[in-house]
Amino acid sequence: MAKTSPAEFFNQVKVEAKKIVWPSNRETMMTAILVLIMTSILALFFFGVDSFFGWVVKNLLSLAAR
């Protein structure tokens, strides 16, 4: 593998950095909104599952205490 000098390395970094395509403000907002919606849906789902299993365990423990 050929070694590059530090100057050539930084030149290559500059060339590659110019190829970056940043998302528009609209794309960023739409992505952020989608993430918030999906996070909320997952939070509600896991809250429901956790509540259900908590109810099951509570009932099983009350049966065992009798």
PDB file of N, CA and C in Angstrom:
ATOM      1  N   MET A   1       0.841  -1.170   0.000  1.00  0.00           N
ATOM      2  CA  MET A   1       0.000   0.000   0.000  1.00  0.00           C
ATOM      3  C   MET A   1       0.889   1.237   0.000  1.00  0.00           C
ATOM      4  N   ALA A   2       0.608   2.152  -0.895  1.00  0.00           N
ATOM      5  CA  ALA A   2       1.417   3.354  -1.021  1.00  0.00           C
ATOM      6  C   ALA A   2       1.097   4.319   0.111  1.00  0.00           C
ATOM      7  N   LYS A   3       2.148   4.914   0.624  1.00  0.00           N
ATOM      8  CA  LYS A   3       1.953   5.893   1.692  1.00  0.00           C
ATOM      9  C   LYS A   3       1.781   7.271   1.074  1.00  0.00           C
ATOM     10  N   THR A   4       0.882   8.046   1.676  1.00  0.00           N
ATOM     11  CA  THR A   4       0.674   9.417   1.203  1.00  0.00           C
ATOM     12  C   THR A   4       1.219  10.380   2.228  1.00  0.00           C
ATOM     13  N   SER A   5       1.629  11.515   1.735  1.00  0.00           N
ATOM     14  CA  SER A   5       2.142  12.544   2.640  1.00  0.00           C
ATOM     15  C   SER A   5       0.965  13.207   3.347  1.00  0.00           C
ATOM     16  N   PRO A   6       1.218  13.849   4.474  1.00  0.00           N
ATOM     17  CA  PRO A   6       0.121  14.542   5.177  1.00  0.00           C
ATOM     18  C   PRO A   6      -0.569  15.590   4.296  1.00  0.00           C
ATOM     19  N   ALA A   7       0.188  16.302   3.472  1.00  0.00           N
ATOM     20  CA  ALA A   7      -0.405  17.317   2.601  1.00  0.00           C
ATOM     21  C   ALA A   7      -1.342  16.664   1.588  1.00  0.00           C
ATOM     22  N   GLU A   8      -0.917  15.558   0.976  1.00  0.00           N
ATOM     23  CA  GLU A   8      -1.765  14.855   0.012  1.00  0.00           C
ATOM     24  C   GLU A   8      -3.004  14.283   0.700  1.00  0.00           C
ATOM     25  N   PHE A   9      -2.828  13.791   1.907  1.00  0.00           N
ATOM     26  CA  PHE A   9      -3.967  13.271   2.668  1.00  0.00           C
ATOM     27  C   PHE A   9      -5.013  14.356   2.876  1.00  0.00           C
ATOM     28  N   PHE A  10      -4.594  15.540   3.305  1.00  0.00           N
ATOM     29  CA  PHE A  10      -5.552  16.621   3.553  1.00  0.00           C
ATOM     30  C   PHE A  10      -6.182  17.110   2.257  1.00  0.00           C
ATOM     31  N   ASN A  11      -5.432  17.063   1.152  1.00  0.00           N
ATOM     32  CA  ASN A  11      -6.023  17.412  -0.138  1.00  0.00           C
ATOM     33  C   ASN A  11      -7.118  16.412  -0.509  1.00  0.00           C
ATOM     34  N   GLN A  12      -6.879  15.141  -0.262  1.00  0.00           N
ATOM     35  CA  GLN A  12      -7.887  14.125  -0.541  1.00  0.00           C
ATOM     36  C   GLN A  12      -9.112  14.306   0.351  1.00  0.00           C
ATOM     37  N   VAL A  13      -8.881  14.685   1.605  1.00  0.00           N
ATOM     38  CA  VAL A  13     -10.000  14.936   2.518  1.00  0.00           C
ATOM     39  C   VAL A  13     -10.845  16.093   1.995  1.00  0.00           C
ATOM     40  N   LYS A  14     -10.209  17.164   1.520  1.00  0.00           N
ATOM     41  CA  LYS A  14     -10.945  18.311   0.982  1.00  0.00           C
ATOM     42  C   LYS A  14     -11.767  17.907  -0.236  1.00  0.00           C
ATOM     43  N   VAL A  15     -11.191  17.092  -1.110  1.00  0.00           N
ATOM     44  CA  VAL A  15     -11.905  16.643  -2.307  1.00  0.00           C
ATOM     45  C   VAL A  15     -13.113  15.809  -1.908  1.00  0.00           C
ATOM     46  N   GLU A  16     -12.949  14.894  -0.968  1.00  0.00           N
ATOM     47  CA  GLU A  16     -14.066  14.050  -0.532  1.00  0.00           C
ATOM     48  C   GLU A  16     -15.125  14.869   0.204  1.00  0.00           C
ATOM     49  N   ALA A  17     -14.711  15.860   0.976  1.00  0.00           N
ATOM     50  CA  ALA A  17     -15.663  16.695   1.721  1.00  0.00           C
ATOM     51  C   ALA A  17     -16.545  17.495   0.770  1.00  0.00           C
ATOM     52  N   LYS A  18     -16.038  17.834  -0.407  1.00  0.00           N
ATOM     53  CA  LYS A  18     -16.845  18.577  -1.387  1.00  0.00           C
ATOM     54  C   LYS A  18     -17.934  17.694  -1.991  1.00  0.00           C
ATOM     55  N   LYS A  19     -17.826  16.375  -1.854  1.00  0.00           N
ATOM     56  CA  LYS A  19     -18.814  15.446  -2.409  1.00  0.00           C
ATOM     57  C   LYS A  19     -20.012  15.238  -1.476  1.00  0.00           C
ATOM     58  N   ILE A  20     -19.930  15.756  -0.268  1.00  0.00           N
ATOM     59  CA  ILE A  20     -21.006  15.571   0.706  1.00  0.00           C
ATOM     60  C   ILE A  20     -22.242  16.326   0.248  1.00  0.00           C
ATOM     61  N   VAL A  21     -23.385  15.652   0.278  1.00  0.00           N
ATOM     62  CA  VAL A  21     -24.658  16.282  -0.050  1.00  0.00           C
ATOM     63  C   VAL A  21     -25.462  16.372   1.240  1.00  0.00           C
ATOM     64  N   TRP A  22     -25.671  17.584   1.721  1.00  0.00           N
ATOM     65  CA  TRP A  22     -26.394  17.788   2.961  1.00  0.00           C
ATOM     66  C   TRP A  22     -27.889  17.813   2.691  1.00  0.00           C
ATOM     67  N   PRO A  23     -28.699  17.302   3.617  1.00  0.00           N
ATOM     68  CA  PRO A  23     -30.152  17.335   3.411  1.00  0.00           C
ATOM     69  C   PRO A  23     -30.678  18.769   3.523  1.00  0.00           C
ATOM     70  N   SER A  24     -31.784  19.003   2.838  1.00  0.00           N
ATOM     71  CA  SER A  24     -32.399  20.327   2.909  1.00  0.00           C
ATOM     72  C   SER A  24     -33.095  20.493   4.260  1.00  0.00           C
ATOM     73  N   ASN A  25     -33.512  21.734   4.544  1.00  0.00           N
ATOM     74  CA  ASN A  25     -34.231  21.987   5.801  1.00  0.00           C
ATOM     75  C   ASN A  25     -35.529  21.185   5.845  1.00  0.00           C
ATOM     76  N   ARG A  26     -36.210  21.087   4.704  1.00  0.00           N
ATOM     77  CA  ARG A  26     -37.469  20.337   4.641  1.00  0.00           C
ATOM     78  C   ARG A  26     -37.226  18.853   4.936  1.00  0.00           C
ATOM     79  N   GLU A  27     -36.191  18.273   4.335  1.00  0.00           N
ATOM     80  CA  GLU A  27     -35.877  16.863   4.589  1.00  0.00           C
ATOM     81  C   GLU A  27     -35.537  16.633   6.060  1.00  0.00           C
ATOM     82  N   THR A  28     -34.798  17.551   6.652  1.00  0.00           N
ATOM     83  CA  THR A  28     -34.426  17.429   8.060  1.00  0.00           C
ATOM     84  C   THR A  28     -35.659  17.488   8.958  1.00  0.00           C
ATOM     85  N   MET A  29     -36.570  18.428   8.668  1.00  0.00           N
ATOM     86  CA  MET A  29     -37.787  18.552   9.470  1.00  0.00           C
ATOM     87  C   MET A  29     -38.678  17.317   9.313  1.00  0.00           C
ATOM     88  N   MET A  30     -38.836  16.824   8.093  1.00  0.00           N
ATOM     89  CA  MET A  30     -39.678  15.652   7.864  1.00  0.00           C
ATOM     90  C   MET A  30     -39.101  14.425   8.579  1.00  0.00           C
ATOM     91  N   THR A  31     -37.794  14.283   8.532  1.00  0.00           N
ATOM     92  CA  THR A  31     -37.157  13.164   9.210  1.00  0.00           C
ATOM     93  C   THR A  31     -37.327  13.281  10.726  1.00  0.00           C
ATOM     94  N   ALA A  32     -37.157  14.489  11.257  1.00  0.00           N
ATOM     95  CA  ALA A  32     -37.312  14.698  12.699  1.00  0.00           C
ATOM     96  C   ALA A  32     -38.745  14.405  13.144  1.00  0.00           C
ATOM     97  N   ILE A  33     -39.717  14.842  12.351  1.00  0.00           N
ATOM     98  CA  ILE A  33     -41.122  14.588  12.692  1.00  0.00           C
ATOM     99  C   ILE A  33     -41.411  13.087  12.650  1.00  0.00           C
ATOM    100  N   LEU A  34     -40.903  12.402  11.628  1.00  0.00           N
ATOM    101  CA  LEU A  34     -41.110  10.961  11.527  1.00  0.00           C
ATOM    102  C   LEU A  34     -40.492  10.232  12.715  1.00  0.00           C
ATOM    103  N   VAL A  35     -39.307  10.652  13.130  1.00  0.00           N
ATOM    104  CA  VAL A  35     -38.653  10.035  14.289  1.00  0.00           C
ATOM    105  C   VAL A  35     -39.493  10.254  15.548  1.00  0.00           C
ATOM    106  N   LEU A  36     -40.017  11.455  15.739  1.00  0.00           N
ATOM    107  CA  LEU A  36     -40.855  11.736  16.909  1.00  0.00           C
ATOM    108  C   LEU A  36     -42.131  10.889  16.901  1.00  0.00           C
ATOM    109  N   ILE A  37     -42.757  10.750  15.733  1.00  0.00           N
ATOM    110  CA  ILE A  37     -43.977   9.951  15.636  1.00  0.00           C
ATOM    111  C   ILE A  37     -43.678   8.486  15.943  1.00  0.00           C
ATOM    112  N   MET A  38     -42.644   7.944  15.318  1.00  0.00           N
ATOM    113  CA  MET A  38     -42.317   6.533  15.527  1.00  0.00           C
ATOM    114  C   MET A  38     -41.893   6.273  16.974  1.00  0.00           C
ATOM    115  N   THR A  39     -41.157   7.192  17.575  1.00  0.00           N
ATOM    116  CA  THR A  39     -40.749   7.040  18.968  1.00  0.00           C
ATOM    117  C   THR A  39     -41.962   7.045  19.889  1.00  0.00           C
ATOM    118  N   SER A  40     -42.927   7.911  19.601  1.00  0.00           N
ATOM    119  CA  SER A  40     -44.142   7.967  20.418  1.00  0.00           C
ATOM    120  C   SER A  40     -44.943   6.682  20.289  1.00  0.00           C
ATOM    121  N   ILE A  41     -45.071   6.172  19.067  1.00  0.00           N
ATOM    122  CA  ILE A  41     -45.810   4.927  18.859  1.00  0.00           C
ATOM    123  C   ILE A  41     -45.131   3.777  19.598  1.00  0.00           C
ATOM    124  N   LEU A  42     -43.822   3.683  19.486  1.00  0.00           N
ATOM    125  CA  LEU A  42     -43.096   2.616  20.185  1.00  0.00           C
ATOM    126  C   LEU A  42     -43.197   2.771  21.699  1.00  0.00           C
ATOM    127  N   ALA A  43     -43.158   4.004  22.190  1.00  0.00           N
ATOM    128  CA  ALA A  43     -43.286   4.223  23.631  1.00  0.00           C
ATOM    129  C   ALA A  43     -44.647   3.751  24.126  1.00  0.00           C
ATOM    130  N   LEU A  44     -45.703   4.066  23.382  1.00  0.00           N
ATOM    131  CA  LEU A  44     -47.044   3.615  23.775  1.00  0.00           C
ATOM    132  C   LEU A  44     -47.150   2.093  23.705  1.00  0.00           C
ATOM    133  N   PHE A  45     -46.574   1.495  22.679  1.00  0.00           N
ATOM    134  CA  PHE A  45     -46.609   0.039  22.551  1.00  0.00           C
ATOM    135  C   PHE A  45     -45.908  -0.623  23.734  1.00  0.00           C
ATOM    136  N   PHE A  46     -44.691  -0.183  24.046  1.00  0.00           N
ATOM    137  CA  PHE A  46     -43.951  -0.806  25.140  1.00  0.00           C
ATOM    138  C   PHE A  46     -44.587  -0.505  26.487  1.00  0.00           C
ATOM    139  N   PHE A  47     -45.219   0.651  26.637  1.00  0.00           N
ATOM    140  CA  PHE A  47     -45.965   0.940  27.863  1.00  0.00           C
ATOM    141  C   PHE A  47     -47.108  -0.057  28.026  1.00  0.00           C
ATOM    142  N   GLY A  48     -47.823  -0.326  26.920  1.00  0.00           N
ATOM    143  CA  GLY A  48     -48.927  -1.286  26.971  1.00  0.00           C
ATOM    144  C   GLY A  48     -48.447  -2.690  27.301  1.00  0.00           C
ATOM    145  N   VAL A  49     -47.374  -3.124  26.662  1.00  0.00           N
ATOM    146  CA  VAL A  49     -46.836  -4.459  26.921  1.00  0.00           C
ATOM    147  C   VAL A  49     -46.362  -4.562  28.367  1.00  0.00           C
ATOM    148  N   ASP A  50     -45.664  -3.542  28.841  1.00  0.00           N
ATOM    149  CA  ASP A  50     -45.170  -3.554  30.219  1.00  0.00           C
ATOM    150  C   ASP A  50     -46.330  -3.556  31.217  1.00  0.00           C
ATOM    151  N   SER A  51     -47.358  -2.772  30.946  1.00  0.00           N
ATOM    152  CA  SER A  51     -48.525  -2.743  31.839  1.00  0.00           C
ATOM    153  C   SER A  51     -49.216  -4.105  31.866  1.00  0.00           C
ATOM    154  N   PHE A  52     -49.355  -4.730  30.700  1.00  0.00           N
ATOM    155  CA  PHE A  52     -49.989  -6.044  30.637  1.00  0.00           C
ATOM    156  C   PHE A  52     -49.198  -7.074  31.437  1.00  0.00           C
ATOM    157  N   PHE A  53     -47.902  -7.133  31.232  1.00  0.00           N
ATOM    158  CA  PHE A  53     -47.096  -8.111  31.964  1.00  0.00           C
ATOM    159  C   PHE A  53     -47.054  -7.797  33.458  1.00  0.00           C
ATOM    160  N   GLY A  54     -47.074  -6.512  33.824  1.00  0.00           N
ATOM    161  CA  GLY A  54     -47.158  -6.151  35.235  1.00  0.00           C
ATOM    162  C   GLY A  54     -48.447  -6.629  35.862  1.00  0.00           C
ATOM    163  N   TRP A  55     -49.553  -6.496  35.118  1.00  0.00           N
ATOM    164  CA  TRP A  55     -50.853  -6.978  35.592  1.00  0.00           C
ATOM    165  C   TRP A  55     -50.834  -8.498  35.765  1.00  0.00           C
ATOM    166  N   VAL A  56     -50.243  -9.211  34.791  1.00  0.00           N
ATOM    167  CA  VAL A  56     -50.164 -10.669  34.864  1.00  0.00           C
ATOM    168  C   VAL A  56     -49.351 -11.095  36.091  1.00  0.00           C
ATOM    169  N   VAL A  57     -48.212 -10.476  36.294  1.00  0.00           N
ATOM    170  CA  VAL A  57     -47.350 -10.834  37.430  1.00  0.00           C
ATOM    171  C   VAL A  57     -48.063 -10.518  38.744  1.00  0.00           C
ATOM    172  N   LYS A  58     -48.741  -9.371  38.815  1.00  0.00           N
ATOM    173  CA  LYS A  58     -49.459  -9.010  40.041  1.00  0.00           C
ATOM    174  C   LYS A  58     -50.526 -10.050  40.361  1.00  0.00           C
ATOM    175  N   ASN A  59     -51.263 -10.481  39.339  1.00  0.00           N
ATOM    176  CA  ASN A  59     -52.300 -11.493  39.572  1.00  0.00           C
ATOM    177  C   ASN A  59     -51.702 -12.834  39.951  1.00  0.00           C
ATOM    178  N   LEU A  60     -50.615 -13.220  39.340  1.00  0.00           N
ATOM    179  CA  LEU A  60     -49.955 -14.470  39.714  1.00  0.00           C
ATOM    180  C   LEU A  60     -49.431 -14.427  41.145  1.00  0.00           C
ATOM    181  N   LEU A  61     -48.877 -13.290  41.542  1.00  0.00           N
ATOM    182  CA  LEU A  61     -48.376 -13.173  42.911  1.00  0.00           C
ATOM    183  C   LEU A  61     -49.511 -13.179  43.917  1.00  0.00           C
ATOM    184  N   SER A  62     -50.658 -12.578  43.562  1.00  0.00           N
ATOM    185  CA  SER A  62     -51.789 -12.599  44.493  1.00  0.00           C
ATOM    186  C   SER A  62     -52.357 -14.013  44.620  1.00  0.00           C
ATOM    187  N   LEU A  63     -52.309 -14.786  43.538  1.00  0.00           N
ATOM    188  CA  LEU A  63     -52.738 -16.188  43.617  1.00  0.00           C
ATOM    189  C   LEU A  63     -51.804 -16.999  44.493  1.00  0.00           C
ATOM    190  N   ALA A  64     -50.500 -16.709  44.392  1.00  0.00           N
ATOM    191  CA  ALA A  64     -49.506 -17.458  45.189  1.00  0.00           C
ATOM    192  C   ALA A  64     -49.597 -17.090  46.669  1.00  0.00           C
ATOM    193  N   ALA A  65     -50.073 -15.881  46.987  1.00  0.00           N
ATOM    194  CA  ALA A  65     -50.127 -15.438  48.382  1.00  0.00           C
ATOM    195  C   ALA A  65     -51.316 -16.043  49.124  1.00  0.00           C
ATOM    196  N   ARG A  66     -52.275 -16.568  48.424  1.00  0.00           N
ATOM    197  CA  ARG A  66     -53.475 -17.137  49.076  1.00  0.00           C
ATOM    198  C   ARG A  66     -53.182 -18.389  49.810  1.00  0.00           C
TER     199      ARG A  66
END
